PDB file of N, CA and C in Angstrom:
ATOM      1  N   MET A   1      -2.423  29.259 -10.540  1.00  0.00           N
ATOM      2  CA  MET A   1      -1.450  29.790 -11.469  1.00  0.00           C
ATOM      3  C   MET A   1      -1.772  31.256 -11.738  1.00  0.00           C
ATOM      4  N   ILE A   2      -0.740  32.103 -11.735  1.00  0.00           N
ATOM      5  CA  ILE A   2      -0.976  33.515 -11.988  1.00  0.00           C
ATOM      6  C   ILE A   2      -0.745  33.820 -13.470  1.00  0.00           C
ATOM      7  N   GLU A   3      -1.346  34.865 -13.912  1.00  0.00           N
ATOM      8  CA  GLU A   3      -1.171  35.324 -15.282  1.00  0.00           C
ATOM      9  C   GLU A   3       0.055  36.231 -15.353  1.00  0.00           C
ATOM     10  N   PHE A   4       0.647  36.354 -16.543  1.00  0.00           N
ATOM     11  CA  PHE A   4       1.810  37.215 -16.738  1.00  0.00           C
ATOM     12  C   PHE A   4       1.493  38.648 -16.332  1.00  0.00           C
ATOM     13  N   ALA A   5       0.280  39.099 -16.610  1.00  0.00           N
ATOM     14  CA  ALA A   5      -0.124  40.465 -16.257  1.00  0.00           C
ATOM     15  C   ALA A   5      -0.062  40.675 -14.740  1.00  0.00           C
ATOM     16  N   ASP A   6      -0.312  39.633 -13.957  1.00  0.00           N
ATOM     17  CA  ASP A   6      -0.221  39.747 -12.501  1.00  0.00           C
ATOM     18  C   ASP A   6       1.226  39.984 -12.073  1.00  0.00           C
ATOM     19  N   PHE A   7       2.163  39.295 -12.700  1.00  0.00           N
ATOM     20  CA  PHE A   7       3.565  39.457 -12.357  1.00  0.00           C
ATOM     21  C   PHE A   7       4.064  40.860 -12.701  1.00  0.00           C
ATOM     22  N   GLU A   8       3.528  41.438 -13.760  1.00  0.00           N
ATOM     23  CA  GLU A   8       3.936  42.785 -14.153  1.00  0.00           C
ATOM     24  C   GLU A   8       3.585  43.827 -13.096  1.00  0.00           C
ATOM     25  N   LYS A   9       2.659  43.508 -12.208  1.00  0.00           N
ATOM     26  CA  LYS A   9       2.272  44.431 -11.136  1.00  0.00           C
ATOM     27  C   LYS A   9       3.322  44.508 -10.030  1.00  0.00           C
ATOM     28  N   VAL A  10       4.181  43.499  -9.920  1.00  0.00           N
ATOM     29  CA  VAL A  10       5.196  43.455  -8.878  1.00  0.00           C
ATOM     30  C   VAL A  10       6.303  44.448  -9.221  1.00  0.00           C
ATOM     31  N   GLU A  11       6.616  45.325  -8.273  1.00  0.00           N
ATOM     32  CA  GLU A  11       7.658  46.333  -8.475  1.00  0.00           C
ATOM     33  C   GLU A  11       8.885  45.952  -7.653  1.00  0.00           C
ATOM     34  N   LEU A  12       9.907  45.442  -8.338  1.00  0.00           N
ATOM     35  CA  LEU A  12      11.154  45.069  -7.687  1.00  0.00           C
ATOM     36  C   LEU A  12      12.163  46.185  -7.884  1.00  0.00           C
ATOM     37  N   LYS A  13      12.849  46.555  -6.793  1.00  0.00           N
ATOM     38  CA  LYS A  13      13.829  47.640  -6.842  1.00  0.00           C
ATOM     39  C   LYS A  13      15.083  47.251  -6.066  1.00  0.00           C
ATOM     40  N   THR A  14      16.180  47.918  -6.413  1.00  0.00           N
ATOM     41  CA  THR A  14      17.400  47.770  -5.636  1.00  0.00           C
ATOM     42  C   THR A  14      17.314  48.668  -4.404  1.00  0.00           C
ATOM     43  N   ALA A  15      17.902  48.202  -3.313  1.00  0.00           N
ATOM     44  CA  ALA A  15      17.901  48.983  -2.072  1.00  0.00           C
ATOM     45  C   ALA A  15      19.182  48.685  -1.307  1.00  0.00           C
ATOM     46  N   ARG A  16      19.767  49.708  -0.707  1.00  0.00           N
ATOM     47  CA  ARG A  16      20.981  49.533   0.091  1.00  0.00           C
ATOM     48  C   ARG A  16      20.600  49.462   1.572  1.00  0.00           C
ATOM     49  N   VAL A  17      21.143  48.474   2.260  1.00  0.00           N
ATOM     50  CA  VAL A  17      20.882  48.281   3.687  1.00  0.00           C
ATOM     51  C   VAL A  17      21.655  49.326   4.477  1.00  0.00           C
ATOM     52  N   LYS A  18      20.918  50.179   5.211  1.00  0.00           N
ATOM     53  CA  LYS A  18      21.544  51.240   6.015  1.00  0.00           C
ATOM     54  C   LYS A  18      21.742  50.813   7.465  1.00  0.00           C
ATOM     55  N   THR A  19      20.718  50.199   8.047  1.00  0.00           N
ATOM     56  CA  THR A  19      20.813  49.740   9.437  1.00  0.00           C
ATOM     57  C   THR A  19      20.119  48.395   9.577  1.00  0.00           C
ATOM     58  N   VAL A  20      20.591  47.623  10.553  1.00  0.00           N
ATOM     59  CA  VAL A  20      19.984  46.332  10.879  1.00  0.00           C
ATOM     60  C   VAL A  20      19.863  46.269  12.391  1.00  0.00           C
ATOM     61  N   ASP A  21      18.632  46.180  12.880  1.00  0.00           N
ATOM     62  CA  ASP A  21      18.384  46.102  14.316  1.00  0.00           C
ATOM     63  C   ASP A  21      17.586  44.849  14.634  1.00  0.00           C
ATOM     64  N   ILE A  22      17.748  44.355  15.827  1.00  0.00           N
ATOM     65  CA  ILE A  22      16.960  43.221  16.293  1.00  0.00           C
ATOM     66  C   ILE A  22      15.544  43.706  16.586  1.00  0.00           C
ATOM     67  N   HIS A  23      14.573  42.985  16.075  1.00  0.00           N
ATOM     68  CA  HIS A  23      13.169  43.343  16.321  1.00  0.00           C
ATOM     69  C   HIS A  23      12.895  43.220  17.827  1.00  0.00           C
ATOM     70  N   PRO A  24      12.261  44.228  18.422  1.00  0.00           N
ATOM     71  CA  PRO A  24      12.056  44.194  19.876  1.00  0.00           C
ATOM     72  C   PRO A  24      11.053  43.144  20.344  1.00  0.00           C
ATOM     73  N   ASN A  25      10.213  42.629  19.431  1.00  0.00           N
ATOM     74  CA  ASN A  25       9.154  41.707  19.845  1.00  0.00           C
ATOM     75  C   ASN A  25       9.149  40.392  19.079  1.00  0.00           C
ATOM     76  N   ALA A  26      10.267  40.047  18.428  1.00  0.00           N
ATOM     77  CA  ALA A  26      10.298  38.815  17.642  1.00  0.00           C
ATOM     78  C   ALA A  26      11.714  38.245  17.606  1.00  0.00           C
ATOM     79  N   ASP A  27      11.841  36.969  17.899  1.00  0.00           N
ATOM     80  CA  ASP A  27      13.142  36.311  17.957  1.00  0.00           C
ATOM     81  C   ASP A  27      13.775  36.079  16.588  1.00  0.00           C
ATOM     82  N   ARG A  28      12.986  36.010  15.536  1.00  0.00           N
ATOM     83  CA  ARG A  28      13.509  35.658  14.213  1.00  0.00           C
ATOM     84  C   ARG A  28      13.621  36.839  13.253  1.00  0.00           C
ATOM     85  N   LEU A  29      13.163  38.017  13.671  1.00  0.00           N
ATOM     86  CA  LEU A  29      13.093  39.152  12.756  1.00  0.00           C
ATOM     87  C   LEU A  29      14.170  40.196  13.023  1.00  0.00           C
ATOM     88  N   TYR A  30      14.627  40.799  11.929  1.00  0.00           N
ATOM     89  CA  TYR A  30      15.396  42.038  11.986  1.00  0.00           C
ATOM     90  C   TYR A  30      14.490  43.172  11.540  1.00  0.00           C
ATOM     91  N   VAL A  31      14.771  44.366  12.016  1.00  0.00           N
ATOM     92  CA  VAL A  31      14.170  45.590  11.507  1.00  0.00           C
ATOM     93  C   VAL A  31      15.273  46.259  10.698  1.00  0.00           C
ATOM     94  N   ILE A  32      15.058  46.363   9.397  1.00  0.00           N
ATOM     95  CA  ILE A  32      16.096  46.816   8.475  1.00  0.00           C
ATOM     96  C   ILE A  32      15.659  48.126   7.829  1.00  0.00           C
ATOM     97  N   ARG A  33      16.558  49.100   7.877  1.00  0.00           N
ATOM     98  CA  ARG A  33      16.306  50.398   7.231  1.00  0.00           C
ATOM     99  C   ARG A  33      17.003  50.378   5.876  1.00  0.00           C
ATOM    100  N   LEU A  34      16.240  50.701   4.822  1.00  0.00           N
ATOM    101  CA  LEU A  34      16.728  50.626   3.449  1.00  0.00           C
ATOM    102  C   LEU A  34      16.727  51.982   2.772  1.00  0.00           C
ATOM    103  N   ASP A  35      17.715  52.206   1.923  1.00  0.00           N
ATOM    104  CA  ASP A  35      17.772  53.376   1.050  1.00  0.00           C
ATOM    105  C   ASP A  35      17.332  52.912  -0.334  1.00  0.00           C
ATOM    106  N   LEU A  36      16.206  53.465  -0.807  1.00  0.00           N
ATOM    107  CA  LEU A  36      15.700  53.140  -2.133  1.00  0.00           C
ATOM    108  C   LEU A  36      15.948  54.293  -3.099  1.00  0.00           C
ATOM    109  N   GLY A  37      17.008  55.046  -2.900  1.00  0.00           N
ATOM    110  CA  GLY A  37      17.338  56.142  -3.801  1.00  0.00           C
ATOM    111  C   GLY A  37      16.391  57.309  -3.634  1.00  0.00           C
ATOM    112  N   GLY A  38      16.630  58.141  -2.652  1.00  0.00           N
ATOM    113  CA  GLY A  38      15.765  59.290  -2.396  1.00  0.00           C
ATOM    114  C   GLY A  38      14.600  58.972  -1.485  1.00  0.00           C
ATOM    115  N   GLU A  39      14.473  57.735  -1.095  1.00  0.00           N
ATOM    116  CA  GLU A  39      13.396  57.302  -0.198  1.00  0.00           C
ATOM    117  C   GLU A  39      13.967  56.252   0.747  1.00  0.00           C
ATOM    118  N   GLU A  40      13.618  56.352   2.019  1.00  0.00           N
ATOM    119  CA  GLU A  40      14.015  55.336   2.988  1.00  0.00           C
ATOM    120  C   GLU A  40      12.784  54.587   3.461  1.00  0.00           C
ATOM    121  N   ARG A  41      12.964  53.298   3.690  1.00  0.00           N
ATOM    122  CA  ARG A  41      11.872  52.457   4.192  1.00  0.00           C
ATOM    123  C   ARG A  41      12.391  51.503   5.254  1.00  0.00           C
ATOM    124  N   THR A  42      11.460  51.071   6.066  1.00  0.00           N
ATOM    125  CA  THR A  42      11.745  50.054   7.064  1.00  0.00           C
ATOM    126  C   THR A  42      11.058  48.765   6.636  1.00  0.00           C
ATOM    127  N   VAL A  43      11.803  47.658   6.705  1.00  0.00           N
ATOM    128  CA  VAL A  43      11.202  46.353   6.442  1.00  0.00           C
ATOM    129  C   VAL A  43      11.583  45.418   7.587  1.00  0.00           C
ATOM    130  N   CYS A  44      10.717  44.495   7.876  1.00  0.00           N
ATOM    131  CA  CYS A  44      11.009  43.434   8.827  1.00  0.00           C
ATOM    132  C   CYS A  44      11.336  42.185   8.017  1.00  0.00           C
ATOM    133  N   ALA A  45      12.415  41.508   8.380  1.00  0.00           N
ATOM    134  CA  ALA A  45      12.842  40.336   7.624  1.00  0.00           C
ATOM    135  C   ALA A  45      13.182  39.199   8.580  1.00  0.00           C
ATOM    136  N   GLY A  46      12.659  38.017   8.305  1.00  0.00           N
ATOM    137  CA  GLY A  46      12.873  36.834   9.139  1.00  0.00           C
ATOM    138  C   GLY A  46      14.147  36.094   8.778  1.00  0.00           C
ATOM    139  N   ILE A  47      15.278  36.776   8.862  1.00  0.00           N
ATOM    140  CA  ILE A  47      16.553  36.186   8.444  1.00  0.00           C
ATOM    141  C   ILE A  47      17.604  36.193   9.560  1.00  0.00           C
ATOM    142  N   ARG A  48      17.181  36.413  10.779  1.00  0.00           N
ATOM    143  CA  ARG A  48      18.131  36.506  11.897  1.00  0.00           C
ATOM    144  C   ARG A  48      18.948  35.240  12.098  1.00  0.00           C
ATOM    145  N   ALA A  49      18.366  34.087  11.837  1.00  0.00           N
ATOM    146  CA  ALA A  49      19.079  32.827  12.032  1.00  0.00           C
ATOM    147  C   ALA A  49      20.140  32.591  10.960  1.00  0.00           C
ATOM    148  N   PHE A  50      20.107  33.369   9.889  1.00  0.00           N
ATOM    149  CA  PHE A  50      20.972  33.114   8.746  1.00  0.00           C
ATOM    150  C   PHE A  50      22.027  34.188   8.494  1.00  0.00           C
ATOM    151  N   TYR A  51      21.821  35.387   9.045  1.00  0.00           N
ATOM    152  CA  TYR A  51      22.731  36.505   8.811  1.00  0.00           C
ATOM    153  C   TYR A  51      22.999  37.261  10.104  1.00  0.00           C
ATOM    154  N   ALA A  52      24.241  37.629  10.297  1.00  0.00           N
ATOM    155  CA  ALA A  52      24.594  38.582  11.351  1.00  0.00           C
ATOM    156  C   ALA A  52      24.368  39.974  10.769  1.00  0.00           C
ATOM    157  N   PRO A  53      24.049  40.967  11.597  1.00  0.00           N
ATOM    158  CA  PRO A  53      23.801  42.316  11.073  1.00  0.00           C
ATOM    159  C   PRO A  53      24.920  42.842  10.173  1.00  0.00           C
ATOM    160  N   GLU A  54      26.175  42.607  10.557  1.00  0.00           N
ATOM    161  CA  GLU A  54      27.290  43.128   9.769  1.00  0.00           C
ATOM    162  C   GLU A  54      27.395  42.499   8.378  1.00  0.00           C
ATOM    163  N   GLN A  55      26.799  41.321   8.185  1.00  0.00           N
ATOM    164  CA  GLN A  55      26.781  40.700   6.858  1.00  0.00           C
ATOM    165  C   GLN A  55      25.804  41.401   5.913  1.00  0.00           C
ATOM    166  N   LEU A  56      24.856  42.127   6.465  1.00  0.00           N
ATOM    167  CA  LEU A  56      23.838  42.795   5.656  1.00  0.00           C
ATOM    168  C   LEU A  56      24.133  44.273   5.432  1.00  0.00           C
ATOM    169  N   LEU A  57      24.809  44.909   6.379  1.00  0.00           N
ATOM    170  CA  LEU A  57      25.068  46.349   6.286  1.00  0.00           C
ATOM    171  C   LEU A  57      25.803  46.699   4.995  1.00  0.00           C
ATOM    172  N   GLY A  58      25.264  47.660   4.265  1.00  0.00           N
ATOM    173  CA  GLY A  58      25.874  48.115   3.028  1.00  0.00           C
ATOM    174  C   GLY A  58      25.554  47.268   1.819  1.00  0.00           C
ATOM    175  N   LYS A  59      24.934  46.130   2.016  1.00  0.00           N
ATOM    176  CA  LYS A  59      24.598  45.223   0.918  1.00  0.00           C
ATOM    177  C   LYS A  59      23.468  45.829   0.077  1.00  0.00           C
ATOM    178  N   THR A  60      23.540  45.622  -1.235  1.00  0.00           N
ATOM    179  CA  THR A  60      22.455  46.032  -2.118  1.00  0.00           C
ATOM    180  C   THR A  60      21.562  44.825  -2.343  1.00  0.00           C
ATOM    181  N   VAL A  61      20.314  44.939  -1.924  1.00  0.00           N
ATOM    182  CA  VAL A  61      19.354  43.840  -1.982  1.00  0.00           C
ATOM    183  C   VAL A  61      18.238  44.170  -2.972  1.00  0.00           C
ATOM    184  N   ILE A  62      17.435  43.173  -3.271  1.00  0.00           N
ATOM    185  CA  ILE A  62      16.263  43.350  -4.121  1.00  0.00           C
ATOM    186  C   ILE A  62      15.030  43.347  -3.216  1.00  0.00           C
ATOM    187  N   VAL A  63      14.175  44.359  -3.414  1.00  0.00           N
ATOM    188  CA  VAL A  63      13.007  44.551  -2.556  1.00  0.00           C
ATOM    189  C   VAL A  63      11.737  44.591  -3.402  1.00  0.00           C
ATOM    190  N   CYS A  64      10.701  43.953  -2.916  1.00  0.00           N
ATOM    191  CA  CYS A  64       9.372  44.153  -3.496  1.00  0.00           C
ATOM    192  C   CYS A  64       8.851  45.435  -2.862  1.00  0.00           C
ATOM    193  N   ALA A  65       8.762  46.491  -3.689  1.00  0.00           N
ATOM    194  CA  ALA A  65       8.541  47.837  -3.159  1.00  0.00           C
ATOM    195  C   ALA A  65       7.099  48.303  -3.184  1.00  0.00           C
ATOM    196  N   ASN A  66       6.195  47.565  -3.799  1.00  0.00           N
ATOM    197  CA  ASN A  66       4.828  48.069  -3.893  1.00  0.00           C
ATOM    198  C   ASN A  66       3.822  47.220  -3.113  1.00  0.00           C
ATOM    199  N   LEU A  67       4.284  46.584  -2.055  1.00  0.00           N
ATOM    200  CA  LEU A  67       3.362  45.892  -1.152  1.00  0.00           C
ATOM    201  C   LEU A  67       2.740  46.901  -0.196  1.00  0.00           C
ATOM    202  N   ALA A  68       1.541  46.639   0.220  1.00  0.00           N
ATOM    203  CA  ALA A  68       0.914  47.483   1.236  1.00  0.00           C
ATOM    204  C   ALA A  68       1.677  47.304   2.550  1.00  0.00           C
ATOM    205  N   PRO A  69       1.900  48.387   3.304  1.00  0.00           N
ATOM    206  CA  PRO A  69       2.568  48.254   4.603  1.00  0.00           C
ATOM    207  C   PRO A  69       1.800  47.295   5.509  1.00  0.00           C
ATOM    208  N   ARG A  70       2.547  46.593   6.366  1.00  0.00           N
ATOM    209  CA  ARG A  70       1.921  45.630   7.260  1.00  0.00           C
ATOM    210  C   ARG A  70       2.625  45.661   8.613  1.00  0.00           C
ATOM    211  N   MET A  71       1.850  45.630   9.665  1.00  0.00           N
ATOM    212  CA  MET A  71       2.416  45.593  11.017  1.00  0.00           C
ATOM    213  C   MET A  71       2.877  44.176  11.324  1.00  0.00           C
ATOM    214  N   LEU A  72       4.148  44.042  11.706  1.00  0.00           N
ATOM    215  CA  LEU A  72       4.706  42.754  12.092  1.00  0.00           C
ATOM    216  C   LEU A  72       5.202  42.854  13.522  1.00  0.00           C
ATOM    217  N   ARG A  73       4.412  42.326  14.443  1.00  0.00           N
ATOM    218  CA  ARG A  73       4.744  42.336  15.866  1.00  0.00           C
ATOM    219  C   ARG A  73       5.036  43.729  16.380  1.00  0.00           C
ATOM    220  N   GLY A  74       4.238  44.705  15.914  1.00  0.00           N
ATOM    221  CA  GLY A  74       4.341  46.068  16.417  1.00  0.00           C
ATOM    222  C   GLY A  74       5.226  47.007  15.621  1.00  0.00           C
ATOM    223  N   VAL A  75       5.857  46.533  14.547  1.00  0.00           N
ATOM    224  CA  VAL A  75       6.693  47.381  13.692  1.00  0.00           C
ATOM    225  C   VAL A  75       6.119  47.329  12.281  1.00  0.00           C
ATOM    226  N   GLU A  76       5.950  48.517  11.659  1.00  0.00           N
ATOM    227  CA  GLU A  76       5.423  48.555  10.299  1.00  0.00           C
ATOM    228  C   GLU A  76       6.516  48.181   9.298  1.00  0.00           C
ATOM    229  N   SER A  77       6.217  47.181   8.476  1.00  0.00           N
ATOM    230  CA  SER A  77       7.124  46.759   7.413  1.00  0.00           C
ATOM    231  C   SER A  77       6.589  47.319   6.103  1.00  0.00           C
ATOM    232  N   GLN A  78       7.457  47.997   5.352  1.00  0.00           N
ATOM    233  CA  GLN A  78       7.051  48.719   4.142  1.00  0.00           C
ATOM    234  C   GLN A  78       7.639  48.089   2.885  1.00  0.00           C
ATOM    235  N   GLY A  79       7.656  46.792   2.826  1.00  0.00           N
ATOM    236  CA  GLY A  79       8.181  46.070   1.671  1.00  0.00           C
ATOM    237  C   GLY A  79       8.677  44.713   2.110  1.00  0.00           C
ATOM    238  N   MET A  80       9.340  44.015   1.168  1.00  0.00           N
ATOM    239  CA  MET A  80       9.843  42.678   1.462  1.00  0.00           C
ATOM    240  C   MET A  80      11.160  42.470   0.720  1.00  0.00           C
ATOM    241  N   ILE A  81      12.170  42.044   1.461  1.00  0.00           N
ATOM    242  CA  ILE A  81      13.452  41.701   0.855  1.00  0.00           C
ATOM    243  C   ILE A  81      13.311  40.296   0.265  1.00  0.00           C
ATOM    244  N   LEU A  82      13.748  40.120  -0.980  1.00  0.00           N
ATOM    245  CA  LEU A  82      13.660  38.817  -1.623  1.00  0.00           C
ATOM    246  C   LEU A  82      14.793  37.916  -1.174  1.00  0.00           C
ATOM    247  N   ALA A  83      14.475  36.653  -1.006  1.00  0.00           N
ATOM    248  CA  ALA A  83      15.465  35.656  -0.597  1.00  0.00           C
ATOM    249  C   ALA A  83      15.042  34.295  -1.145  1.00  0.00           C
ATOM    250  N   VAL A  84      16.009  33.384  -1.189  1.00  0.00           N
ATOM    251  CA  VAL A  84      15.726  32.001  -1.570  1.00  0.00           C
ATOM    252  C   VAL A  84      16.031  31.111  -0.380  1.00  0.00           C
ATOM    253  N   HIS A  85      15.312  30.001  -0.292  1.00  0.00           N
ATOM    254  CA  HIS A  85      15.470  29.066   0.816  1.00  0.00           C
ATOM    255  C   HIS A  85      15.594  27.671   0.225  1.00  0.00           C
ATOM    256  N   ASP A  86      16.671  26.963   0.556  1.00  0.00           N
ATOM    257  CA  ASP A  86      16.881  25.624   0.000  1.00  0.00           C
ATOM    258  C   ASP A  86      16.498  24.513   0.976  1.00  0.00           C
ATOM    259  N   GLY A  87      15.797  24.858   2.026  1.00  0.00           N
ATOM    260  CA  GLY A  87      15.420  23.884   3.039  1.00  0.00           C
ATOM    261  C   GLY A  87      16.311  23.952   4.269  1.00  0.00           C
ATOM    262  N   GLU A  88      17.526  24.475   4.098  1.00  0.00           N
ATOM    263  CA  GLU A  88      18.461  24.616   5.203  1.00  0.00           C
ATOM    264  C   GLU A  88      18.933  26.053   5.374  1.00  0.00           C
ATOM    265  N   LYS A  89      19.307  26.689   4.280  1.00  0.00           N
ATOM    266  CA  LYS A  89      19.862  28.036   4.315  1.00  0.00           C
ATOM    267  C   LYS A  89      18.939  29.019   3.609  1.00  0.00           C
ATOM    268  N   VAL A  90      19.084  30.284   3.991  1.00  0.00           N
ATOM    269  CA  VAL A  90      18.391  31.377   3.309  1.00  0.00           C
ATOM    270  C   VAL A  90      19.460  32.274   2.709  1.00  0.00           C
ATOM    271  N   LYS A  91      19.276  32.646   1.461  1.00  0.00           N
ATOM    272  CA  LYS A  91      20.213  33.536   0.765  1.00  0.00           C
ATOM    273  C   LYS A  91      19.432  34.748   0.276  1.00  0.00           C
ATOM    274  N   VAL A  92      19.803  35.926   0.778  1.00  0.00           N
ATOM    275  CA  VAL A  92      19.171  37.167   0.355  1.00  0.00           C
ATOM    276  C   VAL A  92      19.602  37.457  -1.079  1.00  0.00           C
ATOM    277  N   LEU A  93      18.641  37.835  -1.926  1.00  0.00           N
ATOM    278  CA  LEU A  93      18.956  38.181  -3.302  1.00  0.00           C
ATOM    279  C   LEU A  93      19.461  39.610  -3.354  1.00  0.00           C
ATOM    280  N   GLY A  94      20.563  39.795  -4.050  1.00  0.00           N
ATOM    281  CA  GLY A  94      21.149  41.118  -4.119  1.00  0.00           C
ATOM    282  C   GLY A  94      21.895  41.332  -5.406  1.00  0.00           C
ATOM    283  N   VAL A  95      22.625  42.434  -5.434  1.00  0.00           N
ATOM    284  CA  VAL A  95      23.393  42.837  -6.601  1.00  0.00           C
ATOM    285  C   VAL A  95      24.851  42.875  -6.194  1.00  0.00           C
ATOM    286  N   ASP A  96      25.702  42.199  -6.958  1.00  0.00           N
ATOM    287  CA  ASP A  96      27.142  42.250  -6.696  1.00  0.00           C
ATOM    288  C   ASP A  96      27.682  43.588  -7.173  1.00  0.00           C
ATOM    289  N   GLY A  97      28.651  44.121  -6.431  1.00  0.00           N
ATOM    290  CA  GLY A  97      29.269  45.384  -6.824  1.00  0.00           C
ATOM    291  C   GLY A  97      28.359  46.560  -6.538  1.00  0.00           C
ATOM    292  N   GLU A  98      28.656  47.660  -7.179  1.00  0.00           N
ATOM    293  CA  GLU A  98      27.903  48.900  -6.972  1.00  0.00           C
ATOM    294  C   GLU A  98      26.628  48.904  -7.796  1.00  0.00           C
ATOM    295  N   ALA A  99      25.544  49.242  -7.189  1.00  0.00           N
ATOM    296  CA  ALA A  99      24.273  49.420  -7.879  1.00  0.00           C
ATOM    297  C   ALA A  99      23.551  50.578  -7.201  1.00  0.00           C
ATOM    298  N   THR A 100      23.033  51.459  -7.980  1.00  0.00           N
ATOM    299  CA  THR A 100      22.338  52.619  -7.454  1.00  0.00           C
ATOM    300  C   THR A 100      21.040  52.173  -6.774  1.00  0.00           C
ATOM    301  N   PRO A 101      20.812  52.598  -5.521  1.00  0.00           N
ATOM    302  CA  PRO A 101      19.541  52.282  -4.881  1.00  0.00           C
ATOM    303  C   PRO A 101      18.368  52.895  -5.639  1.00  0.00           C
ATOM    304  N   GLY A 102      17.272  52.149  -5.685  1.00  0.00           N
ATOM    305  CA  GLY A 102      16.048  52.650  -6.305  1.00  0.00           C
ATOM    306  C   GLY A 102      15.859  52.254  -7.753  1.00  0.00           C
ATOM    307  N   LEU A 103      16.818  51.519  -8.330  1.00  0.00           N
ATOM    308  CA  LEU A 103      16.665  51.094  -9.720  1.00  0.00           C
ATOM    309  C   LEU A 103      15.610  50.008  -9.820  1.00  0.00           C
ATOM    310  N   ARG A 104      14.817  50.059 -10.853  1.00  0.00           N
ATOM    311  CA  ARG A 104      13.805  49.025 -11.071  1.00  0.00           C
ATOM    312  C   ARG A 104      14.469  47.779 -11.635  1.00  0.00           C
ATOM    313  N   VAL A 105      14.126  46.626 -11.093  1.00  0.00           N
ATOM    314  CA  VAL A 105      14.646  45.338 -11.549  1.00  0.00           C
ATOM    315  C   VAL A 105      13.697  44.838 -12.630  1.00  0.00           C
ATOM    316  N   THR A 106      14.279  44.504 -13.786  1.00  0.00           N
ATOM    317  CA  THR A 106      13.445  44.024 -14.898  1.00  0.00           C
ATOM    318  C   THR A 106      13.920  42.677 -15.371  1.00  0.00           C
TER     319      THR A 106
END
């Protein structure tokens, strides 16, 4: 069990999906370029089986922005897009309507 103080360390932000590419070395991953409001990042996301690229383009998603970068099959991922999984489907967490990229989620 984590303490509340541990959760406060997690930095969640809004981000707009700019590009979605197929990962060159992984069947289940996309390489996604995000706009975090004045900053762009690349993240790798294992959602290829659940979303076509055009379903993600322009979408405002929620990102864990303060994770250490990690190499995923040769591509550096600089965060993590939040999603829920019900055992069958994956649903990316996002913001309906217009939301400024880079806003802190509280």
